[in-house]
Amino acid sequence: MAGLELLSDEGYRVDGRRAGELRKVRARMGVFAQADGSAYIEQGNTKALAVVYGPHEMRGSRSKALHDRALVNCQYSMATFSTGERKRRPHGDRKSSEMTLHLKQTFEAAILTQLYPRSQIDIYVQILQADGGNYCACVNAATLATIDAGIPMRDYVCASSAGFIEDTPLADLNYVEEAAGGPQVALALLPKSDQIALLEMNSRLHEDHLEQVIEAASKACKDVYAVLDQVVRDHVHEVTTLLGE
């Protein structure tokens, strides 16, 4: 990475963005008819697919059922073709298990699980192409899929990453910026209330800079919210138009 300039003197990044600028976000809801809810999202070159089933009766052991709320079951995986190197275990490695746990924690904080006692909600997310911000793309796709399934949530959950490179906080990191190895934060935010659903940091960062980095991630989450909200509105308009015909 030594020969690569991550931030130019003019303040432009490797892919031509400004420090706080998001990659282009495209998304669609209702991509699978068989699932209760589904969504596909592209954030730059990172592509993710989310499918939601439920709420439904507990499958398998009934002893896992929670008497006062629904159990949120998540599974994260990466398609074998999602990166340059072929993965042999798309969802059995340590990183995938960690991501699965993070997704579970994030959506337990957002879904109104108390409305569905002794039930189960399944969220399956797969990365189809990886170019940085995998967790964030998964959260954003799963939010749209959960809304598509009609499952009540406290708020949208919007996620973005941020890093600190050359004394500048950068929002929505791509693979090259992630691979540079600087301090990075992944933030999942409930944007209307400013509540944090999950905050993860992968290396040490001086506390003087922490607020700037979290602020950059928080602003990026709110920018993502504006995009996702428009996607939902467009989808609802499309569906109601079809039903009206």
Protein backbone atom coordinates (compact mmCIF):
# COMPACT_ATOMS: atom_id res chain seq x y z
CA MET A 1 0.00 0.00 0.00
CA ALA A 2 3.05 2.30 0.37
CA GLY A 3 2.95 3.62 -3.18
CA LEU A 4 -0.80 4.37 -3.17
CA GLU A 5 -2.07 7.83 -2.23
CA LEU A 6 -5.32 7.31 -0.30
CA LEU A 7 -6.09 11.03 -0.04
CA SER A 8 -4.82 13.58 -2.56
CA ASP A 9 -3.68 17.11 -1.66
CA GLU A 10 -6.98 18.37 -3.10
CA GLY A 11 -8.93 16.13 -0.69
CA TYR A 12 -10.00 13.43 -3.17
CA ARG A 13 -9.93 9.71 -2.38
CA VAL A 14 -8.78 6.77 -4.51
CA ASP A 15 -12.19 6.48 -6.21
CA GLY A 16 -12.65 10.24 -6.68
CA ARG A 17 -14.96 10.87 -3.70
CA ARG A 18 -14.67 13.60 -1.10
CA ALA A 19 -13.95 12.57 2.52
CA GLY A 20 -17.58 12.43 3.68
CA GLU A 21 -19.14 11.25 0.42
CA LEU A 22 -20.98 7.92 0.10
CA ARG A 23 -20.43 5.49 -2.72
CA LYS A 24 -23.39 5.28 -5.10
CA VAL A 25 -26.24 3.31 -3.48
CA ARG A 26 -28.78 1.36 -5.53
CA ALA A 27 -31.41 -0.90 -3.99
CA ARG A 28 -34.52 -2.93 -4.80
CA MET A 29 -37.13 -4.54 -2.56
CA GLY A 30 -39.23 -7.65 -3.14
CA VAL A 31 -36.69 -9.47 -5.29
CA PHE A 32 -37.85 -12.96 -4.13
CA ALA A 33 -41.54 -13.88 -4.25
CA GLN A 34 -41.03 -17.00 -2.07
CA ALA A 35 -39.70 -15.10 0.97
CA ASP A 36 -41.75 -12.92 3.34
CA GLY A 37 -39.36 -10.07 2.64
CA SER A 38 -36.29 -9.58 0.44
CA ALA A 39 -33.97 -6.86 -0.84
CA TYR A 40 -30.86 -6.34 -2.95
CA ILE A 41 -28.42 -3.48 -2.45
CA GLU A 42 -25.31 -2.15 -4.15
CA GLN A 43 -23.02 0.23 -2.29
CA GLY A 44 -20.32 1.05 -4.80
CA ASN A 45 -19.03 -2.36 -5.90
CA THR A 46 -20.21 -4.13 -2.74
CA LYS A 47 -23.39 -6.10 -3.46
CA ALA A 48 -25.59 -7.79 -0.87
CA LEU A 49 -28.81 -9.79 -0.85
CA ALA A 50 -31.10 -10.17 2.18
CA VAL A 51 -34.05 -12.51 2.72
CA VAL A 52 -36.41 -12.48 5.72
CA TYR A 53 -38.84 -15.21 6.84
CA GLY A 54 -41.30 -14.76 9.66
CA PRO A 55 -42.47 -14.17 12.21
CA HIS A 56 -43.32 -17.88 12.33
CA GLU A 57 -43.54 -20.67 14.91
CA MET A 58 -40.30 -21.90 16.41
CA ARG A 59 -38.52 -24.52 14.32
CA GLY A 60 -36.59 -27.31 15.95
CA SER A 61 -36.28 -27.24 19.72
CA ARG A 62 -39.20 -25.43 21.39
CA SER A 63 -36.99 -24.84 24.43
CA LYS A 64 -35.29 -21.98 22.55
CA ALA A 65 -38.58 -20.04 22.40
CA LEU A 66 -38.67 -16.79 24.36
CA HIS A 67 -41.97 -16.32 26.22
CA ASP A 68 -41.94 -12.49 26.03
CA ARG A 69 -40.49 -11.77 22.56
CA ALA A 70 -39.48 -13.22 19.20
CA LEU A 71 -36.15 -14.92 18.65
CA VAL A 72 -34.12 -13.20 15.90
CA ASN A 73 -32.08 -15.73 13.96
CA CYS A 74 -29.45 -14.36 11.55
CA GLN A 75 -27.02 -15.94 9.12
CA TYR A 76 -24.31 -14.10 7.20
CA SER A 77 -22.43 -15.65 4.32
CA MET A 78 -20.20 -14.66 1.43
CA ALA A 79 -20.67 -16.14 -2.02
CA THR A 80 -17.64 -18.16 -3.09
CA PHE A 81 -17.18 -15.78 -6.04
CA SER A 82 -17.53 -12.58 -3.98
CA THR A 83 -13.78 -11.93 -3.68
CA GLY A 84 -10.70 -12.53 -5.82
CA GLU A 85 -9.73 -15.54 -3.70
CA ARG A 86 -12.25 -18.37 -3.67
CA LYS A 87 -13.66 -19.10 -0.21
CA ARG A 88 -14.08 -22.76 0.69
CA ARG A 89 -16.31 -22.12 3.70
CA PRO A 90 -18.74 -19.35 2.82
CA HIS A 91 -20.40 -19.20 6.25
CA GLY A 92 -18.47 -21.45 8.60
CA ASP A 93 -15.35 -19.37 9.32
CA ARG A 94 -14.70 -17.11 12.33
CA LYS A 95 -15.33 -13.85 10.44
CA SER A 96 -18.73 -15.04 9.20
CA SER A 97 -19.72 -16.19 12.70
CA GLU A 98 -18.72 -12.77 14.07
CA MET A 99 -20.75 -10.98 11.37
CA THR A 100 -23.76 -13.22 12.12
CA LEU A 101 -23.57 -12.24 15.79
CA HIS A 102 -23.27 -8.53 14.93
CA LEU A 103 -26.32 -8.70 12.67
CA LYS A 104 -28.31 -10.50 15.38
CA GLN A 105 -27.40 -7.82 17.97
CA THR A 106 -28.25 -5.03 15.52
CA PHE A 107 -31.71 -6.31 14.60
CA GLU A 108 -32.63 -7.33 18.15
CA ALA A 109 -32.18 -3.64 18.97
CA ALA A 110 -34.40 -2.49 16.08
CA ILE A 111 -37.23 -5.03 15.63
CA LEU A 112 -40.23 -4.79 17.97
CA THR A 113 -39.73 -8.40 19.05
CA GLN A 114 -42.13 -8.09 22.03
CA LEU A 115 -45.05 -8.10 19.58
CA TYR A 116 -44.32 -11.73 18.61
CA PRO A 117 -43.71 -13.85 21.74
CA ARG A 118 -42.69 -17.50 21.21
CA SER A 119 -41.98 -16.78 17.53
CA GLN A 120 -38.93 -16.71 15.31
CA ILE A 121 -37.72 -14.24 12.67
CA ASP A 122 -35.04 -15.45 10.24
CA ILE A 123 -32.73 -13.02 8.46
CA TYR A 124 -30.34 -14.44 5.86
CA VAL A 125 -27.80 -12.13 4.23
CA GLN A 126 -25.26 -12.93 1.53
CA ILE A 127 -22.46 -10.82 0.08
CA LEU A 128 -22.40 -11.34 -3.70
CA GLN A 129 -19.46 -9.01 -4.33
CA ALA A 130 -17.11 -7.65 -1.68
CA ASP A 131 -15.48 -4.23 -1.99
CA GLY A 132 -15.45 -2.92 1.56
CA GLY A 133 -18.23 -2.20 4.06
CA ASN A 134 -19.66 -5.74 3.96
CA TYR A 135 -21.36 -5.53 7.37
CA CYS A 136 -22.87 -2.14 6.52
CA ALA A 137 -24.28 -3.29 3.16
CA CYS A 138 -25.78 -6.34 4.91
CA VAL A 139 -27.50 -4.23 7.57
CA ASN A 140 -28.93 -1.86 4.95
CA ALA A 141 -30.18 -4.76 2.79
CA ALA A 142 -31.65 -6.55 5.82
CA THR A 143 -33.45 -3.36 6.91
CA LEU A 144 -35.18 -3.14 3.52
CA ALA A 145 -36.01 -6.87 3.58
CA THR A 146 -37.48 -6.60 7.11
CA ILE A 147 -39.63 -3.64 6.02
CA ASP A 148 -40.67 -5.64 2.93
CA ALA A 149 -41.75 -8.50 5.24
CA GLY A 150 -44.00 -6.06 7.14
CA ILE A 151 -42.20 -6.63 10.45
CA PRO A 152 -42.56 -3.57 12.74
CA MET A 153 -39.31 -1.82 13.67
CA ARG A 154 -38.49 1.05 16.02
CA ASP A 155 -36.81 2.80 13.10
CA TYR A 156 -34.74 2.06 10.03
CA VAL A 157 -31.32 0.65 10.90
CA CYS A 158 -28.73 2.30 8.68
CA ALA A 159 -25.07 1.37 8.76
CA SER A 160 -21.87 2.91 7.49
CA SER A 161 -18.17 2.59 8.10
CA ALA A 162 -15.64 5.36 8.71
CA GLY A 163 -11.88 5.47 8.91
CA PHE A 164 -9.11 7.88 9.85
CA ILE A 165 -6.48 8.34 7.16
CA GLU A 166 -3.92 11.17 7.02
CA ASP A 167 -5.64 13.03 9.89
CA THR A 168 -8.94 13.03 7.98
CA PRO A 169 -12.10 11.05 8.84
CA LEU A 170 -13.37 9.20 5.75
CA ALA A 171 -16.92 7.86 5.43
CA ASP A 172 -18.03 4.62 3.73
CA LEU A 173 -14.67 2.92 3.17
CA ASN A 174 -14.00 0.82 0.08
CA TYR A 175 -11.77 -2.28 0.02
CA VAL A 176 -8.55 -0.39 -0.78
CA GLU A 177 -9.10 2.00 2.15
CA GLU A 178 -10.00 -0.88 4.51
CA ALA A 179 -6.90 -2.83 3.42
CA ALA A 180 -4.68 0.17 4.25
CA GLY A 181 -5.03 -0.92 7.87
CA GLY A 182 -5.85 2.37 9.61
CA PRO A 183 -8.38 2.72 12.45
CA GLN A 184 -11.92 1.86 11.28
CA VAL A 185 -15.37 2.09 12.82
CA ALA A 186 -18.59 0.34 11.76
CA LEU A 187 -21.72 2.07 13.02
CA ALA A 188 -25.35 0.91 12.87
CA LEU A 189 -27.66 3.78 13.74
CA LEU A 190 -31.39 4.32 14.30
CA PRO A 191 -31.34 7.72 12.56
CA LYS A 192 -34.51 9.38 13.91
CA SER A 193 -33.58 8.89 17.55
CA ASP A 194 -29.78 8.88 17.04
CA GLN A 195 -29.61 5.61 18.99
CA ILE A 196 -26.65 3.36 18.27
CA ALA A 197 -27.60 -0.27 17.55
CA LEU A 198 -23.99 -1.42 17.13
CA LEU A 199 -20.58 0.23 17.17
CA GLU A 200 -17.46 -1.75 16.34
CA MET A 201 -13.89 -0.54 16.18
CA ASN A 202 -11.09 -2.65 14.80
CA SER A 203 -7.94 -0.89 16.07
CA ARG A 204 -6.74 1.78 18.44
CA LEU A 205 -7.51 5.44 17.82
CA HIS A 206 -6.65 8.43 19.98
CA GLU A 207 -9.72 9.73 21.81
CA ASP A 208 -9.12 13.22 20.36
CA HIS A 209 -10.05 11.82 16.94
CA LEU A 210 -12.79 9.39 17.99
CA GLU A 211 -15.61 11.96 17.98
CA GLN A 212 -14.72 13.10 14.44
CA VAL A 213 -14.73 9.54 13.10
CA ILE A 214 -18.04 8.63 14.78
CA GLU A 215 -19.52 11.92 13.52
CA ALA A 216 -18.44 11.03 9.94
CA ALA A 217 -20.01 7.55 10.27
CA SER A 218 -23.18 9.01 11.80
CA LYS A 219 -23.61 11.55 8.98
CA ALA A 220 -23.04 8.77 6.42
CA CYS A 221 -25.74 6.64 8.15
CA LYS A 222 -28.20 9.54 7.82
CA ASP A 223 -27.30 9.91 4.13
CA VAL A 224 -27.97 6.16 3.72
CA TYR A 225 -31.31 6.61 5.52
CA ALA A 226 -32.39 9.23 2.95
CA VAL A 227 -31.65 6.76 0.12
CA LEU A 228 -33.34 3.76 1.81
CA ASP A 229 -36.42 5.80 2.70
CA GLN A 230 -36.80 6.83 -0.95
CA VAL A 231 -36.41 3.17 -2.04
CA VAL A 232 -39.21 2.15 0.35
CA ARG A 233 -41.48 4.96 -0.84
CA ASP A 234 -40.86 4.08 -4.50
CA HIS A 235 -41.55 0.39 -3.79
CA VAL A 236 -44.82 1.16 -1.96
CA HIS A 237 -45.90 3.43 -4.83
CA GLU A 238 -45.05 0.70 -7.36
CA VAL A 239 -46.97 -1.99 -5.44
CA THR A 240 -50.06 0.19 -4.87
CA THR A 241 -50.07 1.16 -8.55
CA LEU A 242 -50.00 -2.52 -9.55
CA LEU A 243 -52.79 -3.39 -7.09
CA GLY A 244 -54.88 -0.50 -8.41
CA GLU A 245 -54.68 -1.73 -12.01
